[in-house]
Amino acid sequence: VTMLSLEGEENLHDLFTMAESSDDPKKTVSLLCGLCISQMRKTFHKILMHAALTPTEIIRQLEHIIKIAENIHDAFQAKVGSRIASVQEPIVTLFLDEINTSSCLGLLKEFIIDRTINGKAIPDNIFVIAACNPYREPKMTSTEQERWLKGSYCVQELPPSLQLIQW
């Protein structure tokens, strides 16, 4: 039985084609072995935002996801590239949950609207979606607000550029 090694010349597309075009059980086993040892890459990521996340922590998480997206892009180009036009490059989806509880809305606006992080463009294969909570004008005195904010969940108003894409 021919098995796919990590450094093997065959790729999964070749194994699928070989197994599909034959009734030979050895070729099907070869495909299954290739699937078992192939590296799966995570394409969905979620970051739960909150006021305690610092810009440094957010950037660290975003840069990690950017690196994954770049690796997926590079692997796709190396294995498929333009040889198979019907195959779409995998998309990395980033879900930013409760973005308007973050203390770094400007940073998130740069990432979502400008598609940059610290001025550097993010890969085209990253799709960003975010959820926000309804903002309500505070109806408390400033002293009551301070007490409430110390132990409660704080929802901020979205910046105008993010309000434009809110639905």
C-alpha atoms as a PDB file:
ATOM      1  CA  VAL A   1       0.000   0.000   0.000  1.00  0.00           C
ATOM      2  CA  THR A   2       1.351   3.400  -0.977  1.00  0.00           C
ATOM      3  CA  MET A   3       1.016   5.818   1.921  1.00  0.00           C
ATOM      4  CA  LEU A   4       1.264   9.560   1.836  1.00  0.00           C
ATOM      5  CA  SER A   5       4.098  10.812   3.974  1.00  0.00           C
ATOM      6  CA  LEU A   6       4.312  14.325   5.277  1.00  0.00           C
ATOM      7  CA  GLU A   7       6.970  15.063   2.694  1.00  0.00           C
ATOM      8  CA  GLY A   8       5.230  12.938   0.036  1.00  0.00           C
ATOM      9  CA  GLU A   9       5.024  13.919  -3.587  1.00  0.00           C
ATOM     10  CA  GLU A  10       1.344  13.084  -3.826  1.00  0.00           C
ATOM     11  CA  ASN A  11      -1.206  15.535  -2.577  1.00  0.00           C
ATOM     12  CA  LEU A  12      -4.739  14.846  -1.406  1.00  0.00           C
ATOM     13  CA  HIS A  13      -6.215  15.953  -4.732  1.00  0.00           C
ATOM     14  CA  ASP A  14      -4.133  13.300  -6.514  1.00  0.00           C
ATOM     15  CA  LEU A  15      -5.233  10.682  -3.983  1.00  0.00           C
ATOM     16  CA  PHE A  16      -8.915  11.574  -4.443  1.00  0.00           C
ATOM     17  CA  THR A  17      -8.553  11.362  -8.223  1.00  0.00           C
ATOM     18  CA  MET A  18      -6.752   8.028  -7.982  1.00  0.00           C
ATOM     19  CA  ALA A  19      -9.303   6.520  -5.553  1.00  0.00           C
ATOM     20  CA  GLU A  20     -12.279   7.854  -7.535  1.00  0.00           C
ATOM     21  CA  SER A  21     -11.071   6.379 -10.825  1.00  0.00           C
ATOM     22  CA  SER A  22     -10.438   2.889  -9.491  1.00  0.00           C
ATOM     23  CA  ASP A  23     -12.193   0.067  -7.692  1.00  0.00           C
ATOM     24  CA  ASP A  24      -8.884  -0.990  -6.175  1.00  0.00           C
ATOM     25  CA  PRO A  25      -9.265  -1.117  -2.367  1.00  0.00           C
ATOM     26  CA  LYS A  26      -5.546  -0.367  -1.966  1.00  0.00           C
ATOM     27  CA  LYS A  27      -6.066   3.041  -3.567  1.00  0.00           C
ATOM     28  CA  THR A  28      -8.972   3.782  -1.238  1.00  0.00           C
ATOM     29  CA  VAL A  29      -6.825   2.792   1.747  1.00  0.00           C
ATOM     30  CA  SER A  30      -4.100   5.078   0.434  1.00  0.00           C
ATOM     31  CA  LEU A  31      -6.607   7.941   0.331  1.00  0.00           C
ATOM     32  CA  LEU A  32      -7.777   7.238   3.880  1.00  0.00           C
ATOM     33  CA  CYS A  33      -4.177   7.125   5.117  1.00  0.00           C
ATOM     34  CA  GLY A  34      -3.486  10.417   3.392  1.00  0.00           C
ATOM     35  CA  LEU A  35      -6.523  11.981   5.076  1.00  0.00           C
ATOM     36  CA  CYS A  36      -5.469  10.648   8.466  1.00  0.00           C
ATOM     37  CA  ILE A  37      -1.985  12.131   8.369  1.00  0.00           C
ATOM     38  CA  SER A  38      -2.772  15.346   6.537  1.00  0.00           C
ATOM     39  CA  GLN A  39      -2.648  18.538   8.541  1.00  0.00           C
ATOM     40  CA  MET A  40      -6.000  20.165   9.157  1.00  0.00           C
ATOM     41  CA  ARG A  41      -5.979  23.916   9.511  1.00  0.00           C
ATOM     42  CA  LYS A  42      -8.536  25.767  11.553  1.00  0.00           C
ATOM     43  CA  THR A  43     -10.449  28.294   9.452  1.00  0.00           C
ATOM     44  CA  PHE A  44     -12.917  29.682  12.016  1.00  0.00           C
ATOM     45  CA  HIS A  45     -11.725  31.806  14.925  1.00  0.00           C
ATOM     46  CA  LYS A  46     -13.634  33.646  17.618  1.00  0.00           C
ATOM     47  CA  ILE A  47     -12.364  36.402  19.873  1.00  0.00           C
ATOM     48  CA  LEU A  48     -14.617  37.392  22.757  1.00  0.00           C
ATOM     49  CA  MET A  49     -14.056  41.097  23.331  1.00  0.00           C
ATOM     50  CA  HIS A  50     -14.250  42.796  26.702  1.00  0.00           C
ATOM     51  CA  ALA A  51     -12.897  45.929  28.352  1.00  0.00           C
ATOM     52  CA  ALA A  52     -10.007  44.101  30.026  1.00  0.00           C
ATOM     53  CA  LEU A  53      -8.412  43.090  26.694  1.00  0.00           C
ATOM     54  CA  THR A  54      -5.489  45.401  26.022  1.00  0.00           C
ATOM     55  CA  PRO A  55      -4.466  46.543  22.519  1.00  0.00           C
ATOM     56  CA  THR A  56      -1.336  44.370  22.856  1.00  0.00           C
ATOM     57  CA  GLU A  57      -3.414  41.261  23.625  1.00  0.00           C
ATOM     58  CA  ILE A  58      -5.822  41.960  20.771  1.00  0.00           C
ATOM     59  CA  ILE A  59      -2.976  42.539  18.311  1.00  0.00           C
ATOM     60  CA  ARG A  60      -1.292  39.308  19.461  1.00  0.00           C
ATOM     61  CA  GLN A  61      -4.492  37.336  18.766  1.00  0.00           C
ATOM     62  CA  LEU A  62      -5.067  39.076  15.426  1.00  0.00           C
ATOM     63  CA  GLU A  63      -1.470  38.484  14.319  1.00  0.00           C
ATOM     64  CA  HIS A  64      -1.839  34.782  15.172  1.00  0.00           C
ATOM     65  CA  ILE A  65      -4.921  34.562  12.928  1.00  0.00           C
ATOM     66  CA  ILE A  66      -3.147  36.541  10.188  1.00  0.00           C
ATOM     67  CA  LYS A  67      -0.267  34.035  10.307  1.00  0.00           C
ATOM     68  CA  ILE A  68      -2.722  31.136   9.946  1.00  0.00           C
ATOM     69  CA  ALA A  69      -4.377  32.872   6.961  1.00  0.00           C
ATOM     70  CA  GLU A  70      -0.982  33.476   5.331  1.00  0.00           C
ATOM     71  CA  ASN A  71       0.005  29.820   5.850  1.00  0.00           C
ATOM     72  CA  ILE A  72      -3.278  28.625   4.322  1.00  0.00           C
ATOM     73  CA  HIS A  73      -2.797  30.996   1.362  1.00  0.00           C
ATOM     74  CA  ASP A  74       0.788  29.820   0.810  1.00  0.00           C
ATOM     75  CA  ALA A  75      -0.177  26.125   1.072  1.00  0.00           C
ATOM     76  CA  PHE A  76      -3.069  26.644  -1.332  1.00  0.00           C
ATOM     77  CA  GLN A  77      -0.874  28.433  -3.867  1.00  0.00           C
ATOM     78  CA  ALA A  78       1.804  25.743  -3.602  1.00  0.00           C
ATOM     79  CA  LYS A  79      -0.611  22.823  -4.003  1.00  0.00           C
ATOM     80  CA  VAL A  80      -3.422  24.151  -6.191  1.00  0.00           C
ATOM     81  CA  GLY A  81      -2.517  27.619  -7.439  1.00  0.00           C
ATOM     82  CA  SER A  82      -4.118  28.215 -10.821  1.00  0.00           C
ATOM     83  CA  ARG A  83      -4.090  24.552 -11.891  1.00  0.00           C
ATOM     84  CA  ILE A  84      -7.689  23.971 -10.813  1.00  0.00           C
ATOM     85  CA  ALA A  85      -9.745  27.093 -11.498  1.00  0.00           C
ATOM     86  CA  SER A  86     -12.898  25.696  -9.866  1.00  0.00           C
ATOM     87  CA  VAL A  87     -11.243  25.323  -6.443  1.00  0.00           C
ATOM     88  CA  GLN A  88     -11.679  28.378  -4.232  1.00  0.00           C
ATOM     89  CA  GLU A  89      -8.965  29.343  -1.799  1.00  0.00           C
ATOM     90  CA  PRO A  90     -10.035  28.599   1.784  1.00  0.00           C
ATOM     91  CA  ILE A  91     -11.288  31.617   3.721  1.00  0.00           C
ATOM     92  CA  VAL A  92     -10.347  32.234   7.335  1.00  0.00           C
ATOM     93  CA  THR A  93     -13.377  33.569   9.194  1.00  0.00           C
ATOM     94  CA  LEU A  94     -12.819  35.730  12.249  1.00  0.00           C
ATOM     95  CA  PHE A  95     -15.794  36.349  14.522  1.00  0.00           C
ATOM     96  CA  LEU A  96     -15.321  39.269  16.895  1.00  0.00           C
ATOM     97  CA  ASP A  97     -17.947  38.843  19.575  1.00  0.00           C
ATOM     98  CA  GLU A  98     -19.273  41.809  21.532  1.00  0.00           C
ATOM     99  CA  ILE A  99     -16.915  44.314  19.916  1.00  0.00           C
ATOM    100  CA  ASN A 100     -18.527  47.296  21.566  1.00  0.00           C
ATOM    101  CA  THR A 101     -17.500  46.034  24.992  1.00  0.00           C
ATOM    102  CA  SER A 102     -13.862  46.504  23.993  1.00  0.00           C
ATOM    103  CA  SER A 103     -11.820  49.455  25.146  1.00  0.00           C
ATOM    104  CA  CYS A 104      -9.992  49.432  21.774  1.00  0.00           C
ATOM    105  CA  LEU A 105     -12.685  50.264  19.218  1.00  0.00           C
ATOM    106  CA  GLY A 106     -10.255  52.312  17.116  1.00  0.00           C
ATOM    107  CA  LEU A 107      -7.991  49.288  16.713  1.00  0.00           C
ATOM    108  CA  LEU A 108     -10.962  47.106  15.752  1.00  0.00           C
ATOM    109  CA  LYS A 109     -12.191  49.755  13.302  1.00  0.00           C
ATOM    110  CA  GLU A 110      -8.758  49.695  11.629  1.00  0.00           C
ATOM    111  CA  PHE A 111      -8.914  45.914  11.327  1.00  0.00           C
ATOM    112  CA  ILE A 112     -12.519  45.700  10.098  1.00  0.00           C
ATOM    113  CA  ILE A 113     -12.859  48.829   7.937  1.00  0.00           C
ATOM    114  CA  ASP A 114      -9.299  49.623   6.823  1.00  0.00           C
ATOM    115  CA  ARG A 115      -8.258  45.926   6.748  1.00  0.00           C
ATOM    116  CA  THR A 116      -4.919  46.780   8.326  1.00  0.00           C
ATOM    117  CA  ILE A 117      -3.238  46.184  11.656  1.00  0.00           C
ATOM    118  CA  ASN A 118      -0.747  48.853  12.664  1.00  0.00           C
ATOM    119  CA  GLY A 119      -0.822  50.053   9.057  1.00  0.00           C
ATOM    120  CA  LYS A 120       0.017  46.631   7.564  1.00  0.00           C
ATOM    121  CA  ALA A 121      -2.586  45.110   5.217  1.00  0.00           C
ATOM    122  CA  ILE A 122      -4.258  41.905   6.337  1.00  0.00           C
ATOM    123  CA  PRO A 123      -4.523  38.967   3.911  1.00  0.00           C
ATOM    124  CA  ASP A 124      -7.416  38.904   1.446  1.00  0.00           C
ATOM    125  CA  ASN A 125      -8.462  35.436   2.644  1.00  0.00           C
ATOM    126  CA  ILE A 126      -9.625  36.755   6.036  1.00  0.00           C
ATOM    127  CA  PHE A 127     -13.342  37.414   6.398  1.00  0.00           C
ATOM    128  CA  VAL A 128     -14.296  39.418   9.491  1.00  0.00           C
ATOM    129  CA  ILE A 129     -17.727  39.429  11.056  1.00  0.00           C
ATOM    130  CA  ALA A 130     -18.568  41.036  14.364  1.00  0.00           C
ATOM    131  CA  ALA A 131     -21.433  41.153  16.808  1.00  0.00           C
ATOM    132  CA  CYS A 132     -22.260  44.119  18.980  1.00  0.00           C
ATOM    133  CA  ASN A 133     -24.709  44.772  21.763  1.00  0.00           C
ATOM    134  CA  PRO A 134     -27.329  47.499  21.654  1.00  0.00           C
ATOM    135  CA  TYR A 135     -26.048  50.754  23.050  1.00  0.00           C
ATOM    136  CA  ARG A 136     -28.304  52.657  25.428  1.00  0.00           C
ATOM    137  CA  GLU A 137     -27.674  56.114  26.773  1.00  0.00           C
ATOM    138  CA  PRO A 138     -26.916  55.908  30.485  1.00  0.00           C
ATOM    139  CA  LYS A 139     -29.729  57.189  32.696  1.00  0.00           C
ATOM    140  CA  MET A 140     -27.716  57.262  35.904  1.00  0.00           C
ATOM    141  CA  THR A 141     -25.760  59.964  37.649  1.00  0.00           C
ATOM    142  CA  SER A 142     -22.013  59.918  37.075  1.00  0.00           C
ATOM    143  CA  THR A 143     -21.415  58.460  40.556  1.00  0.00           C
ATOM    144  CA  GLU A 144     -23.912  55.656  39.894  1.00  0.00           C
ATOM    145  CA  GLN A 145     -22.307  55.032  36.494  1.00  0.00           C
ATOM    146  CA  GLU A 146     -18.841  54.716  38.034  1.00  0.00           C
ATOM    147  CA  ARG A 147     -20.106  52.228  40.613  1.00  0.00           C
ATOM    148  CA  TRP A 148     -21.982  50.249  37.951  1.00  0.00           C
ATOM    149  CA  LEU A 149     -19.021  50.211  35.522  1.00  0.00           C
ATOM    150  CA  LYS A 150     -16.638  48.828  38.131  1.00  0.00           C
ATOM    151  CA  GLY A 151     -18.567  45.571  38.421  1.00  0.00           C
ATOM    152  CA  SER A 152     -20.680  45.450  35.302  1.00  0.00           C
ATOM    153  CA  TYR A 153     -20.640  44.884  31.636  1.00  0.00           C
ATOM    154  CA  CYS A 154     -19.890  48.076  29.695  1.00  0.00           C
ATOM    155  CA  VAL A 155     -21.363  48.566  26.217  1.00  0.00           C
ATOM    156  CA  GLN A 156     -19.935  51.500  24.259  1.00  0.00           C
ATOM    157  CA  GLU A 157     -21.348  53.344  21.285  1.00  0.00           C
ATOM    158  CA  LEU A 158     -19.763  52.258  18.006  1.00  0.00           C
ATOM    159  CA  PRO A 159     -17.577  54.776  16.146  1.00  0.00           C
ATOM    160  CA  PRO A 160     -19.314  56.341  13.103  1.00  0.00           C
ATOM    161  CA  SER A 161     -17.321  54.263  10.587  1.00  0.00           C
ATOM    162  CA  LEU A 162     -18.497  51.038  12.232  1.00  0.00           C
ATOM    163  CA  GLN A 163     -22.060  52.326  12.526  1.00  0.00           C
ATOM    164  CA  LEU A 164     -22.109  52.592   8.713  1.00  0.00           C
ATOM    165  CA  ILE A 165     -21.791  48.819   8.342  1.00  0.00           C
ATOM    166  CA  GLN A 166     -23.972  47.867  11.299  1.00  0.00           C
ATOM    167  CA  TRP A 167     -27.266  46.109  10.571  1.00  0.00           C
END
